[in-house]
Amino acid sequence: MAPWYTFWTRSMDIAWGAPQVITKRLTMMNAPWPWPAATVLESQRMVWEKTLAASQAWWSTWLAMWPHLMQAPDKLWRPSARNTQHWVRTANRAMLPYSSTVNANVKRLGKAR
């Protein structure tokens, strides 16, 4: 797939799926206190998923950048078609953990109710 199309697809997955996941989680957390065990586990899972996705995005960006920074860092910032493709691929790698997590949550929370 073309890098721009992949970028667009992942952006749309997040834009479409995140509100659904947020709505379902907030609906679960709107229950009166004390929360059921499933709601407590879901709230803890939410925090861990965000932390893990942020870490994966950071490392994927760093690993995509590292070889280019070591070879010719001054050329990396110059506008060119090659650099644009590189930056789009880097953004795709950074968005992949978020996109896949949102898609998995949409499927998992959709089956829950």
N, C-alpha and C. Protein backbone atom coordinates (compact mmCIF):
# COMPACT_ATOMS: atom_id res chain seq x y z
N MET A 1 0.82 -1.17 0.00
CA MET A 1 0.00 0.00 0.00
C MET A 1 0.88 1.25 0.00
N ALA A 2 0.40 2.30 -0.62
CA ALA A 2 1.14 3.55 -0.65
C ALA A 2 1.18 4.15 0.75
N PRO A 3 2.31 4.77 1.13
CA PRO A 3 2.42 5.32 2.48
C PRO A 3 1.34 6.33 2.84
N TRP A 4 0.94 7.18 1.88
CA TRP A 4 -0.10 8.16 2.18
C TRP A 4 -1.44 7.49 2.45
N TYR A 5 -1.74 6.43 1.68
CA TYR A 5 -3.00 5.72 1.88
C TYR A 5 -3.00 5.02 3.23
N THR A 6 -1.87 4.42 3.59
CA THR A 6 -1.76 3.75 4.89
C THR A 6 -1.94 4.77 6.02
N PHE A 7 -1.31 5.92 5.86
CA PHE A 7 -1.45 6.98 6.86
C PHE A 7 -2.91 7.40 7.01
N TRP A 8 -3.58 7.60 5.89
CA TRP A 8 -4.98 8.00 5.90
C TRP A 8 -5.84 6.91 6.54
N THR A 9 -5.60 5.65 6.19
CA THR A 9 -6.38 4.54 6.73
C THR A 9 -6.22 4.45 8.24
N ARG A 10 -4.99 4.54 8.72
CA ARG A 10 -4.77 4.47 10.18
C ARG A 10 -5.40 5.66 10.88
N SER A 11 -5.33 6.82 10.28
CA SER A 11 -5.96 8.02 10.87
C SER A 11 -7.47 7.83 10.96
N MET A 12 -8.07 7.29 9.93
CA MET A 12 -9.52 7.07 9.94
C MET A 12 -9.91 5.98 10.92
N ASP A 13 -9.09 4.93 11.05
CA ASP A 13 -9.37 3.89 12.05
C ASP A 13 -9.43 4.50 13.45
N ILE A 14 -8.47 5.36 13.76
CA ILE A 14 -8.44 6.01 15.07
C ILE A 14 -9.61 6.97 15.21
N ALA A 15 -9.85 7.79 14.19
CA ALA A 15 -10.92 8.78 14.27
C ALA A 15 -12.30 8.14 14.37
N TRP A 16 -12.49 6.98 13.77
CA TRP A 16 -13.77 6.31 13.79
C TRP A 16 -13.92 5.44 15.04
N GLY A 17 -12.86 4.75 15.42
CA GLY A 17 -12.95 3.78 16.51
C GLY A 17 -12.81 4.37 17.90
N ALA A 18 -11.97 5.38 18.07
CA ALA A 18 -11.72 5.94 19.40
C ALA A 18 -13.00 6.46 20.06
N PRO A 19 -13.86 7.22 19.37
CA PRO A 19 -15.09 7.67 20.03
C PRO A 19 -15.99 6.51 20.47
N GLN A 20 -16.01 5.43 19.70
CA GLN A 20 -16.81 4.27 20.09
C GLN A 20 -16.27 3.64 21.37
N VAL A 21 -14.95 3.48 21.43
CA VAL A 21 -14.33 2.89 22.61
C VAL A 21 -14.53 3.79 23.82
N ILE A 22 -14.35 5.08 23.65
CA ILE A 22 -14.52 6.02 24.75
C ILE A 22 -15.96 5.98 25.26
N THR A 23 -16.92 5.95 24.34
CA THR A 23 -18.33 5.91 24.73
C THR A 23 -18.64 4.65 25.52
N LYS A 24 -18.17 3.52 25.05
CA LYS A 24 -18.46 2.26 25.75
C LYS A 24 -17.81 2.22 27.12
N ARG A 25 -16.58 2.72 27.21
CA ARG A 25 -15.90 2.73 28.51
C ARG A 25 -16.57 3.71 29.48
N LEU A 26 -16.94 4.88 29.01
CA LEU A 26 -17.61 5.83 29.89
C LEU A 26 -18.97 5.31 30.34
N THR A 27 -19.65 4.59 29.46
CA THR A 27 -20.92 3.99 29.83
C THR A 27 -20.72 2.97 30.94
N MET A 28 -19.66 2.18 30.83
CA MET A 28 -19.35 1.20 31.87
C MET A 28 -19.02 1.91 33.19
N MET A 29 -18.29 3.00 33.11
CA MET A 29 -17.84 3.70 34.32
C MET A 29 -18.93 4.60 34.90
N ASN A 30 -20.04 4.72 34.21
CA ASN A 30 -21.15 5.53 34.70
C ASN A 30 -22.02 4.75 35.69
N ALA A 31 -21.69 3.50 35.90
CA ALA A 31 -22.45 2.67 36.84
C ALA A 31 -22.27 3.19 38.26
N PRO A 32 -23.26 2.98 39.12
CA PRO A 32 -23.12 3.43 40.50
C PRO A 32 -22.00 2.68 41.22
N TRP A 33 -21.48 3.33 42.23
CA TRP A 33 -20.39 2.76 43.01
C TRP A 33 -20.95 1.71 43.93
N PRO A 34 -20.31 0.63 44.23
CA PRO A 34 -19.02 0.17 43.73
C PRO A 34 -19.15 -0.43 42.34
N TRP A 35 -18.13 -0.19 41.55
CA TRP A 35 -18.11 -0.71 40.19
C TRP A 35 -17.99 -2.23 40.20
N PRO A 36 -18.57 -2.87 39.20
CA PRO A 36 -18.33 -4.31 39.05
C PRO A 36 -16.86 -4.56 38.70
N ALA A 37 -16.42 -5.77 38.92
CA ALA A 37 -15.02 -6.11 38.67
C ALA A 37 -14.63 -5.87 37.21
N ALA A 38 -15.54 -6.13 36.28
CA ALA A 38 -15.24 -5.94 34.85
C ALA A 38 -14.95 -4.47 34.56
N THR A 39 -15.65 -3.55 35.21
CA THR A 39 -15.44 -2.12 34.99
C THR A 39 -14.11 -1.68 35.56
N VAL A 40 -13.76 -2.18 36.74
CA VAL A 40 -12.46 -1.84 37.34
C VAL A 40 -11.33 -2.36 36.46
N LEU A 41 -11.45 -3.57 35.99
CA LEU A 41 -10.41 -4.13 35.11
C LEU A 41 -10.32 -3.35 33.81
N GLU A 42 -11.44 -2.93 33.27
CA GLU A 42 -11.43 -2.16 32.02
C GLU A 42 -10.77 -0.80 32.22
N SER A 43 -11.02 -0.16 33.36
CA SER A 43 -10.38 1.14 33.62
C SER A 43 -8.86 0.98 33.77
N GLN A 44 -8.43 -0.09 34.43
CA GLN A 44 -6.99 -0.33 34.55
C GLN A 44 -6.38 -0.69 33.20
N ARG A 45 -7.10 -1.48 32.43
CA ARG A 45 -6.61 -1.85 31.10
C ARG A 45 -6.45 -0.63 30.21
N MET A 46 -7.38 0.32 30.34
CA MET A 46 -7.34 1.54 29.54
C MET A 46 -6.03 2.29 29.79
N VAL A 47 -5.64 2.44 31.05
CA VAL A 47 -4.41 3.16 31.38
C VAL A 47 -3.19 2.42 30.84
N TRP A 48 -3.16 1.11 31.02
CA TRP A 48 -2.01 0.33 30.53
C TRP A 48 -1.91 0.34 29.02
N GLU A 49 -3.04 0.29 28.33
CA GLU A 49 -3.02 0.34 26.87
C GLU A 49 -2.45 1.65 26.36
N LYS A 50 -2.86 2.74 27.00
CA LYS A 50 -2.34 4.05 26.58
C LYS A 50 -0.84 4.14 26.79
N THR A 51 -0.37 3.67 27.92
CA THR A 51 1.06 3.70 28.24
C THR A 51 1.84 2.83 27.26
N LEU A 52 1.35 1.64 27.00
CA LEU A 52 2.03 0.73 26.08
C LEU A 52 2.04 1.29 24.66
N ALA A 53 0.93 1.81 24.19
CA ALA A 53 0.87 2.36 22.84
C ALA A 53 1.81 3.56 22.69
N ALA A 54 1.88 4.41 23.71
CA ALA A 54 2.79 5.57 23.65
C ALA A 54 4.24 5.11 23.61
N SER A 55 4.57 4.12 24.39
CA SER A 55 5.93 3.58 24.39
C SER A 55 6.27 2.96 23.04
N GLN A 56 5.36 2.17 22.50
CA GLN A 56 5.60 1.55 21.19
C GLN A 56 5.74 2.60 20.10
N ALA A 57 4.92 3.63 20.14
CA ALA A 57 5.00 4.70 19.14
C ALA A 57 6.34 5.43 19.24
N TRP A 58 6.79 5.69 20.46
CA TRP A 58 8.06 6.38 20.64
C TRP A 58 9.21 5.55 20.09
N TRP A 59 9.24 4.27 20.46
CA TRP A 59 10.33 3.41 19.99
C TRP A 59 10.29 3.19 18.49
N SER A 60 9.12 3.06 17.91
CA SER A 60 9.05 2.86 16.46
C SER A 60 9.53 4.11 15.73
N THR A 61 9.21 5.28 16.26
CA THR A 61 9.69 6.52 15.65
C THR A 61 11.20 6.63 15.79
N TRP A 62 11.70 6.34 16.95
CA TRP A 62 13.15 6.41 17.19
C TRP A 62 13.90 5.43 16.28
N LEU A 63 13.42 4.22 16.19
CA LEU A 63 14.10 3.22 15.36
C LEU A 63 14.02 3.55 13.87
N ALA A 64 12.95 4.23 13.46
CA ALA A 64 12.85 4.65 12.06
C ALA A 64 13.79 5.82 11.78
N MET A 65 14.01 6.66 12.75
CA MET A 65 14.85 7.85 12.57
C MET A 65 16.34 7.55 12.71
N TRP A 66 16.70 6.65 13.59
CA TRP A 66 18.10 6.43 13.96
C TRP A 66 19.05 6.22 12.78
N PRO A 67 18.77 5.29 11.85
CA PRO A 67 19.72 5.10 10.74
C PRO A 67 19.91 6.36 9.90
N HIS A 68 18.86 7.12 9.71
CA HIS A 68 18.96 8.33 8.89
C HIS A 68 19.71 9.44 9.62
N LEU A 69 19.57 9.49 10.91
CA LEU A 69 20.29 10.51 11.68
C LEU A 69 21.79 10.22 11.72
N MET A 70 22.15 8.95 11.67
CA MET A 70 23.56 8.58 11.72
C MET A 70 24.24 8.76 10.37
N GLN A 71 23.51 8.62 9.27
CA GLN A 71 24.12 8.73 7.94
C GLN A 71 24.33 10.17 7.52
N ALA A 72 23.27 10.91 7.43
CA ALA A 72 23.37 12.29 6.95
C ALA A 72 22.24 13.12 7.56
N PRO A 73 22.41 13.56 8.79
CA PRO A 73 21.30 14.27 9.44
C PRO A 73 20.92 15.57 8.75
N ASP A 74 21.88 16.22 8.10
CA ASP A 74 21.54 17.48 7.43
C ASP A 74 20.64 17.27 6.21
N LYS A 75 20.77 16.13 5.53
CA LYS A 75 19.95 15.86 4.35
C LYS A 75 18.53 15.45 4.71
N LEU A 76 18.33 14.97 5.92
CA LEU A 76 17.03 14.48 6.33
C LEU A 76 16.00 15.60 6.40
N TRP A 77 16.42 16.80 6.67
CA TRP A 77 15.49 17.91 6.86
C TRP A 77 15.23 18.70 5.58
N ARG A 78 15.96 18.41 4.52
CA ARG A 78 15.74 19.12 3.25
C ARG A 78 14.48 18.61 2.57
N PRO A 79 13.68 19.50 2.01
CA PRO A 79 12.46 19.06 1.32
C PRO A 79 12.80 18.27 0.06
N SER A 80 12.24 17.09 -0.04
CA SER A 80 12.38 16.27 -1.24
C SER A 80 11.31 15.19 -1.19
N ALA A 81 11.05 14.58 -2.33
CA ALA A 81 10.05 13.51 -2.39
C ALA A 81 10.48 12.32 -1.53
N ARG A 82 11.77 12.02 -1.54
CA ARG A 82 12.27 10.89 -0.75
C ARG A 82 12.10 11.14 0.74
N ASN A 83 12.41 12.36 1.17
CA ASN A 83 12.25 12.67 2.59
C ASN A 83 10.79 12.68 3.00
N THR A 84 9.92 13.15 2.11
CA THR A 84 8.50 13.15 2.42
C THR A 84 8.00 11.72 2.60
N GLN A 85 8.40 10.82 1.73
CA GLN A 85 8.02 9.42 1.86
C GLN A 85 8.56 8.83 3.17
N HIS A 86 9.78 9.20 3.52
CA HIS A 86 10.36 8.70 4.78
C HIS A 86 9.54 9.19 5.98
N TRP A 87 9.16 10.47 5.98
CA TRP A 87 8.41 11.00 7.11
C TRP A 87 7.02 10.39 7.19
N VAL A 88 6.41 10.12 6.06
CA VAL A 88 5.09 9.48 6.07
C VAL A 88 5.20 8.06 6.60
N ARG A 89 6.22 7.32 6.19
CA ARG A 89 6.43 5.97 6.72
C ARG A 89 6.71 6.01 8.22
N THR A 90 7.47 7.00 8.67
CA THR A 90 7.74 7.14 10.10
C THR A 90 6.45 7.42 10.86
N ALA A 91 5.60 8.29 10.33
CA ALA A 91 4.31 8.58 10.97
C ALA A 91 3.43 7.33 10.99
N ASN A 92 3.48 6.54 9.93
CA ASN A 92 2.71 5.29 9.90
C ASN A 92 3.16 4.34 10.99
N ARG A 93 4.46 4.22 11.17
CA ARG A 93 4.99 3.34 12.22
C ARG A 93 4.58 3.84 13.60
N ALA A 94 4.57 5.14 13.77
CA ALA A 94 4.19 5.70 15.07
C ALA A 94 2.71 5.51 15.35
N MET A 95 1.88 5.55 14.31
CA MET A 95 0.43 5.43 14.50
C MET A 95 -0.04 3.98 14.60
N LEU A 96 0.77 3.03 14.16
CA LEU A 96 0.35 1.63 14.14
C LEU A 96 -0.08 1.12 15.52
N PRO A 97 0.67 1.35 16.61
CA PRO A 97 0.20 0.84 17.90
C PRO A 97 -1.16 1.40 18.31
N TYR A 98 -1.39 2.68 18.07
CA TYR A 98 -2.67 3.28 18.42
C TYR A 98 -3.79 2.71 17.56
N SER A 99 -3.56 2.61 16.27
CA SER A 99 -4.57 2.12 15.35
C SER A 99 -4.95 0.67 15.67
N SER A 100 -3.96 -0.18 15.88
CA SER A 100 -4.26 -1.58 16.16
C SER A 100 -4.94 -1.75 17.51
N THR A 101 -4.56 -0.94 18.51
CA THR A 101 -5.21 -1.01 19.81
C THR A 101 -6.66 -0.56 19.73
N VAL A 102 -6.91 0.52 19.01
CA VAL A 102 -8.29 1.00 18.86
C VAL A 102 -9.13 -0.04 18.13
N ASN A 103 -8.60 -0.62 17.07
CA ASN A 103 -9.36 -1.64 16.32
C ASN A 103 -9.67 -2.85 17.20
N ALA A 104 -8.68 -3.29 17.99
CA ALA A 104 -8.89 -4.44 18.88
C ALA A 104 -9.94 -4.11 19.94
N ASN A 105 -9.91 -2.89 20.47
CA ASN A 105 -10.88 -2.50 21.48
C ASN A 105 -12.29 -2.40 20.92
N VAL A 106 -12.42 -1.89 19.70
CA VAL A 106 -13.73 -1.81 19.08
C VAL A 106 -14.32 -3.21 18.96
N LYS A 107 -13.52 -4.16 18.51
CA LYS A 107 -14.00 -5.54 18.37
C LYS A 107 -14.32 -6.15 19.72
N ARG A 108 -13.43 -5.98 20.70
CA ARG A 108 -13.61 -6.59 22.02
C ARG A 108 -14.80 -5.99 22.75
N LEU A 109 -14.90 -4.68 22.78
CA LEU A 109 -16.00 -4.03 23.49
C LEU A 109 -17.32 -4.17 22.73
N GLY A 110 -17.26 -4.36 21.44
CA GLY A 110 -18.48 -4.59 20.67
C GLY A 110 -19.10 -5.93 21.00
N LYS A 111 -18.27 -6.91 21.30
CA LYS A 111 -18.77 -8.24 21.66
C LYS A 111 -19.25 -8.30 23.10
N ALA A 112 -18.76 -7.38 23.94
CA ALA A 112 -19.08 -7.44 25.36
C ALA A 112 -20.55 -7.19 25.65
N ARG A 113 -21.19 -6.38 24.81
CA ARG A 113 -22.60 -6.06 25.11
C ARG A 113 -23.46 -6.32 23.94
